[in-house]
Every structure is written in C-alpha cells, then in structure tokens.
Amino acid sequence: STDKLLQRNREFLYVGRLVLYKKVDVIIKALANVYADKKFVLHIVGSGAEKEKLQSLADELGVSQNVVFHGQISRNKVFELMKKCFCFTMVSEKETFGMVYIEAMLAGCVTIASKDGGVDGVIVSEENGYLSPEGDVDALVELYKKIELMSDEDVDRLRKNAVNTALGFKDSAV
C-alpha cells in the first residue's frame, strides 16, 4: 500500500551470509557513524563465520543494542521484515545479480547495492535505489546522510520507482 511507502523509520536490513566478502562490517560502521546519537535498528538475517566478529564490532562501536541478529529465518519472515524496514543494504565485493535486491525493492525498501555489481542497470542511483562502491564505509556514510536529508516526497518517489522496477521481474525471468 502507498501509505507504507510514506513511512520512514530508521530500521535497516541486511540479508545474506555472514562472510567476509559480504562486507556486513561496513554497514555496521556506517550506521554507527551516521546515527551515533539517534535511534536506529539494523536487522541482520543470515548466518556464517563472521557472526561473532560482527557482534564484537557492534559492541566496540557502542551499538550492540541497535543490531539484531535474526539468524536463518523463512523467506516469508524475511519479506515481512523487508516490508517493515526503511532501507536494505548489501555492499559486498564481487556481488552477482541477487534476487534479494529485487525482493527488497518490491517491499518498498530504499535499496543500496554494490556499484559495479550484478544489479547495475537494474538499480539506477537516485531513481529507484542507490549504488555504493563495495566495502567503502565513507561512501556509505555519505549515502545514509543523503537519504536521511531527503524530502518525504523524494523518498516516496524513490520507493514507488523501486516497487515498479521490481514488479518487472519474476523469479523465472531472472
């Protein structure tokens, strides 16, 4: 529904394996920088070898209470979480085309993907989402700040464009 598109909260989401090349640490560092004095929640869905390191990083940065590790959850639960969250971020290295980006866009998330990754051309920066250099904390910080300062109208337009782009994709076509 379009009223969902107007909702802006500080709930962020990452869905994927917790491995080094996925650069989940970059998301935690960027959010801790931008929202140090504000309330935010980062939902992390997935499991992997980096989980303990990511928990330690959140502790070190003083944001462990803001980071929720969900582990593996069903696809339906992931989509429910996507619909609740404002922004989906995955800025991993050597990212291929990921269905999770399309699902996040379909849910109306402001979606941030790796520049020069598998969704270049699907996500057009400032039209239906954003592309950020893979693993670049400073670039992601600037992007989060920019999104935070966007007007509600611009956020709404971006999210509607994301939903419309995602509707053009089907599992079978991809």
N, C-alpha and C. Protein backbone atom coordinates (compact mmCIF):
# COMPACT_ATOMS: atom_id res chain seq x y z
N SER A 1 0.84 -1.19 0.00
CA SER A 1 0.00 0.00 0.00
C SER A 1 0.88 1.24 0.00
N THR A 2 0.37 2.32 -0.56
CA THR A 2 1.19 3.53 -0.68
C THR A 2 1.43 4.20 0.66
N ASP A 3 0.54 4.02 1.65
CA ASP A 3 0.81 4.62 2.96
C ASP A 3 2.08 4.02 3.57
N LYS A 4 2.35 2.76 3.26
CA LYS A 4 3.60 2.13 3.72
C LYS A 4 4.80 2.85 3.10
N LEU A 5 4.65 3.28 1.85
CA LEU A 5 5.76 3.94 1.18
C LEU A 5 6.10 5.28 1.83
N LEU A 6 5.12 5.89 2.48
CA LEU A 6 5.37 7.19 3.11
C LEU A 6 6.04 7.04 4.48
N GLN A 7 5.98 5.84 5.02
CA GLN A 7 6.56 5.60 6.35
C GLN A 7 8.08 5.66 6.25
N ARG A 8 8.70 6.43 7.13
CA ARG A 8 10.15 6.47 7.17
C ARG A 8 10.57 6.18 8.60
N ASN A 9 11.32 5.13 8.77
CA ASN A 9 11.84 4.82 10.10
C ASN A 9 13.34 4.61 9.96
N ARG A 10 13.99 4.34 11.03
CA ARG A 10 15.43 4.09 10.97
C ARG A 10 15.68 2.60 11.19
N GLU A 11 14.92 1.78 10.45
CA GLU A 11 15.15 0.34 10.50
C GLU A 11 15.82 -0.08 9.21
N PHE A 12 17.00 -0.67 9.35
CA PHE A 12 17.83 -1.08 8.23
C PHE A 12 17.91 -2.59 8.20
N LEU A 13 18.22 -3.13 7.02
CA LEU A 13 18.20 -4.58 6.86
C LEU A 13 19.33 -5.05 5.97
N TYR A 14 19.94 -6.16 6.37
CA TYR A 14 20.88 -6.91 5.54
C TYR A 14 20.41 -8.35 5.56
N VAL A 15 20.38 -8.97 4.39
CA VAL A 15 20.02 -10.39 4.29
C VAL A 15 21.09 -11.08 3.47
N GLY A 16 21.73 -12.07 4.04
CA GLY A 16 22.76 -12.81 3.31
C GLY A 16 23.67 -13.55 4.27
N ARG A 17 24.66 -14.21 3.67
CA ARG A 17 25.60 -14.94 4.51
C ARG A 17 26.51 -13.98 5.27
N LEU A 18 26.89 -14.38 6.46
CA LEU A 18 27.79 -13.56 7.28
C LEU A 18 29.22 -14.02 7.03
N VAL A 19 29.72 -13.62 5.87
CA VAL A 19 31.08 -13.96 5.45
C VAL A 19 31.81 -12.67 5.09
N LEU A 20 33.13 -12.71 5.11
CA LEU A 20 33.95 -11.51 4.96
C LEU A 20 33.62 -10.70 3.71
N TYR A 21 33.51 -11.35 2.55
CA TYR A 21 33.33 -10.58 1.30
C TYR A 21 31.98 -9.90 1.20
N LYS A 22 31.05 -10.24 2.10
CA LYS A 22 29.74 -9.58 2.08
C LYS A 22 29.80 -8.19 2.73
N LYS A 23 30.90 -7.91 3.45
CA LYS A 23 31.16 -6.57 4.00
C LYS A 23 30.05 -6.05 4.92
N VAL A 24 29.50 -6.92 5.74
CA VAL A 24 28.46 -6.51 6.69
C VAL A 24 29.04 -5.52 7.71
N ASP A 25 30.33 -5.64 7.99
CA ASP A 25 31.00 -4.71 8.91
C ASP A 25 30.90 -3.27 8.42
N VAL A 26 30.94 -3.09 7.11
CA VAL A 26 30.86 -1.75 6.51
C VAL A 26 29.51 -1.11 6.85
N ILE A 27 28.43 -1.91 6.81
CA ILE A 27 27.09 -1.40 7.13
C ILE A 27 27.03 -0.98 8.60
N ILE A 28 27.55 -1.83 9.49
CA ILE A 28 27.55 -1.53 10.93
C ILE A 28 28.34 -0.25 11.21
N LYS A 29 29.54 -0.14 10.61
CA LYS A 29 30.38 1.05 10.83
C LYS A 29 29.70 2.31 10.32
N ALA A 30 29.10 2.23 9.14
CA ALA A 30 28.45 3.41 8.54
C ALA A 30 27.25 3.86 9.38
N LEU A 31 26.42 2.90 9.78
CA LEU A 31 25.25 3.26 10.59
C LEU A 31 25.66 3.82 11.95
N ALA A 32 26.69 3.24 12.56
CA ALA A 32 27.18 3.73 13.86
C ALA A 32 27.68 5.16 13.71
N ASN A 33 28.28 5.48 12.58
CA ASN A 33 28.79 6.83 12.32
C ASN A 33 27.64 7.82 12.14
N VAL A 34 26.69 7.50 11.27
CA VAL A 34 25.62 8.43 10.92
C VAL A 34 24.61 8.59 12.05
N TYR A 35 24.29 7.49 12.71
CA TYR A 35 23.23 7.52 13.71
C TYR A 35 23.74 7.36 15.13
N ALA A 36 24.96 7.79 15.37
CA ALA A 36 25.58 7.63 16.69
C ALA A 36 24.68 8.15 17.81
N ASP A 37 24.01 9.28 17.55
CA ASP A 37 23.21 9.92 18.60
C ASP A 37 21.71 9.71 18.39
N LYS A 38 21.35 8.87 17.43
CA LYS A 38 19.93 8.65 17.13
C LYS A 38 19.60 7.18 17.26
N LYS A 39 18.33 6.93 17.40
CA LYS A 39 17.85 5.56 17.48
C LYS A 39 17.84 4.95 16.08
N PHE A 40 18.39 3.76 15.93
CA PHE A 40 18.29 3.01 14.68
C PHE A 40 18.32 1.53 15.02
N VAL A 41 17.86 0.72 14.08
CA VAL A 41 17.95 -0.73 14.24
C VAL A 41 18.50 -1.30 12.93
N LEU A 42 19.49 -2.15 13.04
CA LEU A 42 19.99 -2.91 11.89
C LEU A 42 19.60 -4.36 12.11
N HIS A 43 18.73 -4.86 11.24
CA HIS A 43 18.34 -6.27 11.28
C HIS A 43 19.31 -7.03 10.37
N ILE A 44 19.96 -8.04 10.91
CA ILE A 44 20.88 -8.86 10.13
C ILE A 44 20.30 -10.27 10.07
N VAL A 45 19.96 -10.69 8.85
CA VAL A 45 19.38 -12.02 8.63
C VAL A 45 20.42 -12.88 7.92
N GLY A 46 20.71 -14.03 8.49
CA GLY A 46 21.67 -14.95 7.90
C GLY A 46 22.62 -15.47 8.96
N SER A 47 23.45 -16.40 8.55
CA SER A 47 24.42 -16.97 9.47
C SER A 47 25.74 -17.13 8.74
N GLY A 48 26.80 -17.33 9.50
CA GLY A 48 28.10 -17.52 8.88
C GLY A 48 29.24 -17.26 9.84
N ALA A 49 30.44 -17.48 9.33
CA ALA A 49 31.67 -17.45 10.13
C ALA A 49 31.96 -16.09 10.76
N GLU A 50 31.42 -15.00 10.20
CA GLU A 50 31.72 -13.66 10.69
C GLU A 50 30.82 -13.19 11.82
N LYS A 51 29.83 -14.00 12.21
CA LYS A 51 28.84 -13.52 13.19
C LYS A 51 29.48 -12.98 14.47
N GLU A 52 30.39 -13.72 15.07
CA GLU A 52 30.99 -13.29 16.34
C GLU A 52 31.79 -12.00 16.14
N LYS A 53 32.52 -11.89 15.03
CA LYS A 53 33.30 -10.67 14.75
C LYS A 53 32.37 -9.47 14.59
N LEU A 54 31.23 -9.69 13.93
CA LEU A 54 30.27 -8.60 13.73
C LEU A 54 29.64 -8.18 15.06
N GLN A 55 29.36 -9.15 15.92
CA GLN A 55 28.82 -8.83 17.25
C GLN A 55 29.85 -8.04 18.07
N SER A 56 31.12 -8.44 17.98
CA SER A 56 32.19 -7.73 18.69
C SER A 56 32.34 -6.31 18.16
N LEU A 57 32.25 -6.15 16.85
CA LEU A 57 32.35 -4.83 16.23
C LEU A 57 31.22 -3.92 16.73
N ALA A 58 30.01 -4.45 16.76
CA ALA A 58 28.86 -3.67 17.25
C ALA A 58 29.09 -3.26 18.71
N ASP A 59 29.66 -4.18 19.51
CA ASP A 59 30.00 -3.87 20.92
C ASP A 59 31.02 -2.73 20.99
N GLU A 60 32.11 -2.87 20.22
CA GLU A 60 33.18 -1.87 20.21
C GLU A 60 32.65 -0.49 19.84
N LEU A 61 31.73 -0.44 18.88
CA LEU A 61 31.19 0.83 18.39
C LEU A 61 30.04 1.35 19.26
N GLY A 62 29.67 0.57 20.28
CA GLY A 62 28.63 1.00 21.20
C GLY A 62 27.23 0.92 20.62
N VAL A 63 27.03 0.05 19.63
CA VAL A 63 25.71 -0.06 19.00
C VAL A 63 25.12 -1.47 19.07
N SER A 64 25.65 -2.29 19.97
CA SER A 64 25.18 -3.68 20.03
C SER A 64 23.69 -3.77 20.32
N GLN A 65 23.15 -2.79 21.07
CA GLN A 65 21.71 -2.79 21.35
C GLN A 65 20.89 -2.42 20.11
N ASN A 66 21.54 -1.88 19.07
CA ASN A 66 20.85 -1.47 17.84
C ASN A 66 20.92 -2.54 16.75
N VAL A 67 21.72 -3.56 16.96
CA VAL A 67 21.94 -4.58 15.92
C VAL A 67 21.30 -5.89 16.36
N VAL A 68 20.36 -6.37 15.55
CA VAL A 68 19.62 -7.59 15.87
C VAL A 68 20.03 -8.69 14.89
N PHE A 69 20.59 -9.76 15.43
CA PHE A 69 20.96 -10.92 14.61
C PHE A 69 19.80 -11.90 14.63
N HIS A 70 19.16 -12.11 13.49
CA HIS A 70 17.99 -12.99 13.40
C HIS A 70 18.36 -14.43 13.06
N GLY A 71 19.58 -14.66 12.58
CA GLY A 71 19.95 -15.99 12.11
C GLY A 71 19.19 -16.31 10.83
N GLN A 72 19.01 -17.60 10.55
CA GLN A 72 18.26 -18.03 9.37
C GLN A 72 16.77 -17.97 9.69
N ILE A 73 16.01 -17.29 8.83
CA ILE A 73 14.56 -17.28 9.01
C ILE A 73 13.91 -17.59 7.66
N SER A 74 12.64 -17.94 7.69
CA SER A 74 11.95 -18.33 6.46
C SER A 74 11.86 -17.15 5.49
N ARG A 75 11.70 -17.47 4.22
CA ARG A 75 11.57 -16.46 3.18
C ARG A 75 10.38 -15.53 3.45
N ASN A 76 9.27 -16.09 3.94
CA ASN A 76 8.11 -15.27 4.27
C ASN A 76 8.43 -14.28 5.40
N LYS A 77 9.16 -14.74 6.41
CA LYS A 77 9.54 -13.86 7.52
C LYS A 77 10.49 -12.77 7.04
N VAL A 78 11.38 -13.13 6.11
CA VAL A 78 12.30 -12.14 5.55
C VAL A 78 11.51 -11.04 4.85
N PHE A 79 10.51 -11.44 4.06
CA PHE A 79 9.73 -10.45 3.32
C PHE A 79 8.92 -9.57 4.28
N GLU A 80 8.41 -10.15 5.36
CA GLU A 80 7.70 -9.36 6.37
C GLU A 80 8.65 -8.32 6.98
N LEU A 81 9.88 -8.73 7.25
CA LEU A 81 10.88 -7.82 7.80
C LEU A 81 11.21 -6.72 6.79
N MET A 82 11.33 -7.11 5.52
CA MET A 82 11.60 -6.12 4.47
C MET A 82 10.51 -5.06 4.42
N LYS A 83 9.26 -5.49 4.56
CA LYS A 83 8.15 -4.54 4.49
C LYS A 83 8.16 -3.58 5.67
N LYS A 84 8.78 -4.01 6.78
CA LYS A 84 8.85 -3.20 7.99
C LYS A 84 10.03 -2.22 7.96
N CYS A 85 11.08 -2.58 7.23
CA CYS A 85 12.31 -1.79 7.22
C CYS A 85 12.29 -0.68 6.18
N PHE A 86 13.01 0.38 6.48
CA PHE A 86 13.10 1.53 5.59
C PHE A 86 14.14 1.31 4.50
N CYS A 87 15.26 0.69 4.86
CA CYS A 87 16.40 0.63 3.93
C CYS A 87 17.05 -0.75 3.96
N PHE A 88 17.30 -1.30 2.78
CA PHE A 88 18.03 -2.57 2.63
C PHE A 88 19.41 -2.23 2.07
N THR A 89 20.46 -2.78 2.67
CA THR A 89 21.82 -2.51 2.22
C THR A 89 22.61 -3.80 2.07
N MET A 90 23.26 -3.96 0.91
CA MET A 90 24.22 -5.04 0.71
C MET A 90 25.28 -4.52 -0.25
N VAL A 91 26.46 -4.24 0.29
CA VAL A 91 27.55 -3.65 -0.50
C VAL A 91 28.76 -4.59 -0.56
N SER A 92 28.49 -5.86 -0.83
CA SER A 92 29.53 -6.87 -0.85
C SER A 92 30.42 -6.75 -2.08
N GLU A 93 31.58 -7.39 -1.96
CA GLU A 93 32.52 -7.46 -3.08
C GLU A 93 32.06 -8.53 -4.06
N LYS A 94 32.34 -8.30 -5.32
CA LYS A 94 32.07 -9.29 -6.38
C LYS A 94 30.64 -9.83 -6.30
N GLU A 95 29.69 -8.92 -6.11
CA GLU A 95 28.30 -9.36 -5.98
C GLU A 95 27.72 -9.68 -7.36
N THR A 96 27.03 -10.80 -7.43
CA THR A 96 26.34 -11.15 -8.67
C THR A 96 24.91 -10.65 -8.56
N PHE A 97 24.11 -10.89 -9.58
CA PHE A 97 22.72 -10.47 -9.52
C PHE A 97 22.05 -11.23 -8.39
N GLY A 98 21.44 -10.50 -7.47
CA GLY A 98 20.80 -11.15 -6.33
C GLY A 98 19.31 -10.88 -6.30
N MET A 99 18.53 -11.93 -6.19
CA MET A 99 17.08 -11.82 -6.09
C MET A 99 16.69 -11.00 -4.85
N VAL A 100 17.54 -11.03 -3.82
CA VAL A 100 17.22 -10.35 -2.57
C VAL A 100 17.08 -8.83 -2.80
N TYR A 101 17.83 -8.29 -3.74
CA TYR A 101 17.69 -6.86 -4.06
C TYR A 101 16.29 -6.58 -4.62
N ILE A 102 15.85 -7.43 -5.54
CA ILE A 102 14.53 -7.26 -6.17
C ILE A 102 13.44 -7.40 -5.12
N GLU A 103 13.60 -8.38 -4.21
CA GLU A 103 12.61 -8.58 -3.15
C GLU A 103 12.54 -7.35 -2.23
N ALA A 104 13.71 -6.77 -1.91
CA ALA A 104 13.74 -5.58 -1.05
C ALA A 104 13.06 -4.40 -1.76
N MET A 105 13.31 -4.25 -3.05
CA MET A 105 12.68 -3.18 -3.82
C MET A 105 11.17 -3.38 -3.87
N LEU A 106 10.76 -4.62 -4.07
CA LEU A 106 9.33 -4.95 -4.12
C LEU A 106 8.64 -4.60 -2.80
N ALA A 107 9.37 -4.78 -1.70
CA ALA A 107 8.82 -4.48 -0.37
C ALA A 107 8.82 -2.98 -0.09
N GLY A 108 9.39 -2.18 -1.00
CA GLY A 108 9.41 -0.73 -0.82
C GLY A 108 10.59 -0.21 -0.02
N CYS A 109 11.62 -1.04 0.13
CA CYS A 109 12.83 -0.58 0.83
C CYS A 109 13.63 0.36 -0.06
N VAL A 110 14.21 1.39 0.54
CA VAL A 110 15.25 2.14 -0.15
C VAL A 110 16.41 1.15 -0.21
N THR A 111 16.84 0.79 -1.42
CA THR A 111 17.79 -0.30 -1.60
C THR A 111 19.15 0.22 -2.05
N ILE A 112 20.19 -0.20 -1.32
CA ILE A 112 21.56 0.19 -1.63
C ILE A 112 22.33 -1.07 -1.99
N ALA A 113 22.91 -1.07 -3.19
CA ALA A 113 23.65 -2.23 -3.69
C ALA A 113 25.08 -1.81 -4.05
N SER A 114 25.92 -2.81 -4.31
CA SER A 114 27.29 -2.56 -4.72
C SER A 114 27.34 -1.99 -6.14
N LYS A 115 28.10 -0.92 -6.27
CA LYS A 115 28.37 -0.35 -7.59
C LYS A 115 29.23 -1.35 -8.36
N ASP A 116 29.01 -1.48 -9.64
CA ASP A 116 29.73 -2.42 -10.50
C ASP A 116 29.45 -3.87 -10.10
N GLY A 117 28.30 -4.11 -9.46
CA GLY A 117 27.90 -5.46 -9.11
C GLY A 117 26.83 -5.94 -10.06
N GLY A 118 26.13 -6.97 -9.66
CA GLY A 118 25.15 -7.63 -10.53
C GLY A 118 23.88 -6.87 -10.79
N VAL A 119 23.61 -5.79 -10.03
CA VAL A 119 22.35 -5.07 -10.24
C VAL A 119 22.53 -3.70 -10.87
N ASP A 120 23.74 -3.39 -11.33
CA ASP A 120 23.93 -2.16 -12.11
C ASP A 120 22.97 -2.22 -13.29
N GLY A 121 22.29 -1.14 -13.54
CA GLY A 121 21.33 -1.13 -14.64
C GLY A 121 19.93 -1.45 -14.16
N VAL A 122 19.81 -2.30 -13.13
CA VAL A 122 18.51 -2.56 -12.52
C VAL A 122 18.25 -1.44 -11.52
N ILE A 123 19.24 -1.22 -10.65
CA ILE A 123 19.17 -0.09 -9.72
C ILE A 123 19.87 1.08 -10.38
N VAL A 124 19.16 2.18 -10.50
CA VAL A 124 19.71 3.42 -11.05
C VAL A 124 19.75 4.41 -9.89
N SER A 125 20.96 4.83 -9.52
CA SER A 125 21.13 5.71 -8.36
C SER A 125 20.24 6.94 -8.45
N GLU A 126 19.56 7.19 -7.35
CA GLU A 126 18.67 8.33 -7.15
C GLU A 126 17.35 8.21 -7.92
N GLU A 127 17.17 7.13 -8.68
CA GLU A 127 15.90 6.90 -9.38
C GLU A 127 15.05 5.86 -8.63
N ASN A 128 15.67 4.69 -8.36
CA ASN A 128 14.93 3.61 -7.70
C ASN A 128 15.75 2.93 -6.60
N GLY A 129 16.84 3.54 -6.21
CA GLY A 129 17.73 2.99 -5.20
C GLY A 129 19.07 3.69 -5.29
N TYR A 130 20.10 3.06 -4.74
CA TYR A 130 21.43 3.65 -4.78
C TYR A 130 22.48 2.58 -5.00
N LEU A 131 23.56 2.97 -5.65
CA LEU A 131 24.73 2.12 -5.81
C LEU A 131 25.87 2.76 -5.04
N SER A 132 26.58 1.95 -4.27
CA SER A 132 27.69 2.44 -3.45
C SER A 132 28.91 1.57 -3.73
N PRO A 133 30.10 2.18 -3.77
CA PRO A 133 31.30 1.36 -4.01
C PRO A 133 31.41 0.25 -2.96
N GLU A 134 31.70 -0.95 -3.41
CA GLU A 134 31.73 -2.11 -2.50
C GLU A 134 32.72 -1.88 -1.36
N GLY A 135 32.26 -2.16 -0.15
CA GLY A 135 33.15 -2.12 1.01
C GLY A 135 33.65 -0.74 1.41
N ASP A 136 33.07 0.35 0.91
CA ASP A 136 33.55 1.70 1.18
C ASP A 136 32.70 2.34 2.28
N VAL A 137 33.23 2.38 3.50
CA VAL A 137 32.49 2.91 4.65
C VAL A 137 32.14 4.39 4.44
N ASP A 138 33.12 5.19 4.01
CA ASP A 138 32.89 6.63 3.85
C ASP A 138 31.80 6.93 2.83
N ALA A 139 31.81 6.20 1.72
CA ALA A 139 30.79 6.40 0.68
C ALA A 139 29.41 6.04 1.23
N LEU A 140 29.34 4.96 2.01
CA LEU A 140 28.06 4.54 2.57
C LEU A 140 27.57 5.55 3.62
N VAL A 141 28.48 6.09 4.41
CA VAL A 141 28.14 7.13 5.38
C VAL A 141 27.49 8.30 4.65
N GLU A 142 28.13 8.76 3.57
CA GLU A 142 27.60 9.90 2.81
C GLU A 142 26.22 9.58 2.24
N LEU A 143 26.05 8.34 1.78
CA LEU A 143 24.76 7.92 1.21
C LEU A 143 23.66 7.90 2.27
N TYR A 144 23.95 7.34 3.45
CA TYR A 144 22.97 7.32 4.53
C TYR A 144 22.60 8.76 4.94
N LYS A 145 23.60 9.67 4.99
CA LYS A 145 23.34 11.06 5.35
C LYS A 145 22.43 11.70 4.30
N LYS A 146 22.71 11.42 3.04
CA LYS A 146 21.91 11.97 1.94
C LYS A 146 20.46 11.49 2.03
N ILE A 147 20.28 10.21 2.28
CA ILE A 147 18.93 9.63 2.38
C ILE A 147 18.19 10.24 3.57
N GLU A 148 18.92 10.41 4.68
CA GLU A 148 18.32 10.99 5.88
C GLU A 148 17.78 12.40 5.61
N LEU A 149 18.43 13.14 4.73
CA LEU A 149 18.05 14.52 4.44
C LEU A 149 17.04 14.65 3.30
N MET A 150 16.71 13.54 2.64
CA MET A 150 15.76 13.60 1.53
C MET A 150 14.37 14.00 2.02
N SER A 151 13.65 14.71 1.16
CA SER A 151 12.27 15.06 1.49
C SER A 151 11.41 13.80 1.45
N ASP A 152 10.29 13.83 2.15
CA ASP A 152 9.36 12.69 2.13
C ASP A 152 8.90 12.41 0.70
N GLU A 153 8.69 13.46 -0.08
CA GLU A 153 8.25 13.29 -1.47
C GLU A 153 9.30 12.54 -2.29
N ASP A 154 10.57 12.90 -2.11
CA ASP A 154 11.63 12.23 -2.85
C ASP A 154 11.79 10.77 -2.42
N VAL A 155 11.67 10.52 -1.11
CA VAL A 155 11.73 9.14 -0.61
C VAL A 155 10.57 8.33 -1.19
N ASP A 156 9.39 8.91 -1.18
CA ASP A 156 8.20 8.24 -1.70
C ASP A 156 8.37 7.90 -3.18
N ARG A 157 8.87 8.85 -3.95
CA ARG A 157 9.09 8.64 -5.39
C ARG A 157 10.10 7.52 -5.62
N LEU A 158 11.20 7.56 -4.88
CA LEU A 158 12.24 6.54 -4.99
C LEU A 158 11.67 5.14 -4.70
N ARG A 159 10.90 5.05 -3.63
CA ARG A 159 10.34 3.76 -3.21
C ARG A 159 9.30 3.25 -4.22
N LYS A 160 8.46 4.14 -4.72
CA LYS A 160 7.48 3.74 -5.74
C LYS A 160 8.18 3.26 -7.01
N ASN A 161 9.25 3.97 -7.41
CA ASN A 161 10.03 3.54 -8.57
C ASN A 161 10.66 2.17 -8.34
N ALA A 162 11.13 1.93 -7.10
CA ALA A 162 11.73 0.63 -6.77
C ALA A 162 10.69 -0.49 -6.90
N VAL A 163 9.50 -0.25 -6.35
CA VAL A 163 8.43 -1.25 -6.44
C VAL A 163 8.08 -1.52 -7.90
N ASN A 164 7.94 -0.46 -8.69
CA ASN A 164 7.61 -0.64 -10.11
C ASN A 164 8.69 -1.38 -10.88
N THR A 165 9.96 -1.10 -10.56
CA THR A 165 11.07 -1.83 -11.19
C THR A 165 10.99 -3.30 -10.83
N ALA A 166 10.79 -3.58 -9.54
CA ALA A 166 10.75 -4.97 -9.05
C ALA A 166 9.60 -5.74 -9.66
N LEU A 167 8.47 -5.05 -9.88
CA LEU A 167 7.30 -5.73 -10.47
C LEU A 167 7.61 -6.24 -11.88
N GLY A 168 8.61 -5.66 -12.52
CA GLY A 168 9.02 -6.10 -13.85
C GLY A 168 9.83 -7.39 -13.84
N PHE A 169 10.16 -7.87 -12.67
CA PHE A 169 10.96 -9.09 -12.54
C PHE A 169 10.13 -10.22 -11.98
N LYS A 170 10.37 -11.40 -12.46
CA LYS A 170 9.76 -12.62 -11.92
C LYS A 170 10.91 -13.60 -11.69
N ASP A 171 10.78 -14.45 -10.70
CA ASP A 171 11.82 -15.45 -10.43
C ASP A 171 12.26 -16.16 -11.70
N SER A 172 11.29 -16.54 -12.53
CA SER A 172 11.61 -17.31 -13.73
C SER A 172 12.35 -16.47 -14.75
N ALA A 173 11.97 -15.19 -14.89
CA ALA A 173 12.63 -14.31 -15.86
C ALA A 173 14.07 -14.06 -15.46
N VAL A 174 14.31 -13.90 -14.16
CA VAL A 174 15.66 -13.65 -13.66
C VAL A 174 16.49 -14.91 -13.82
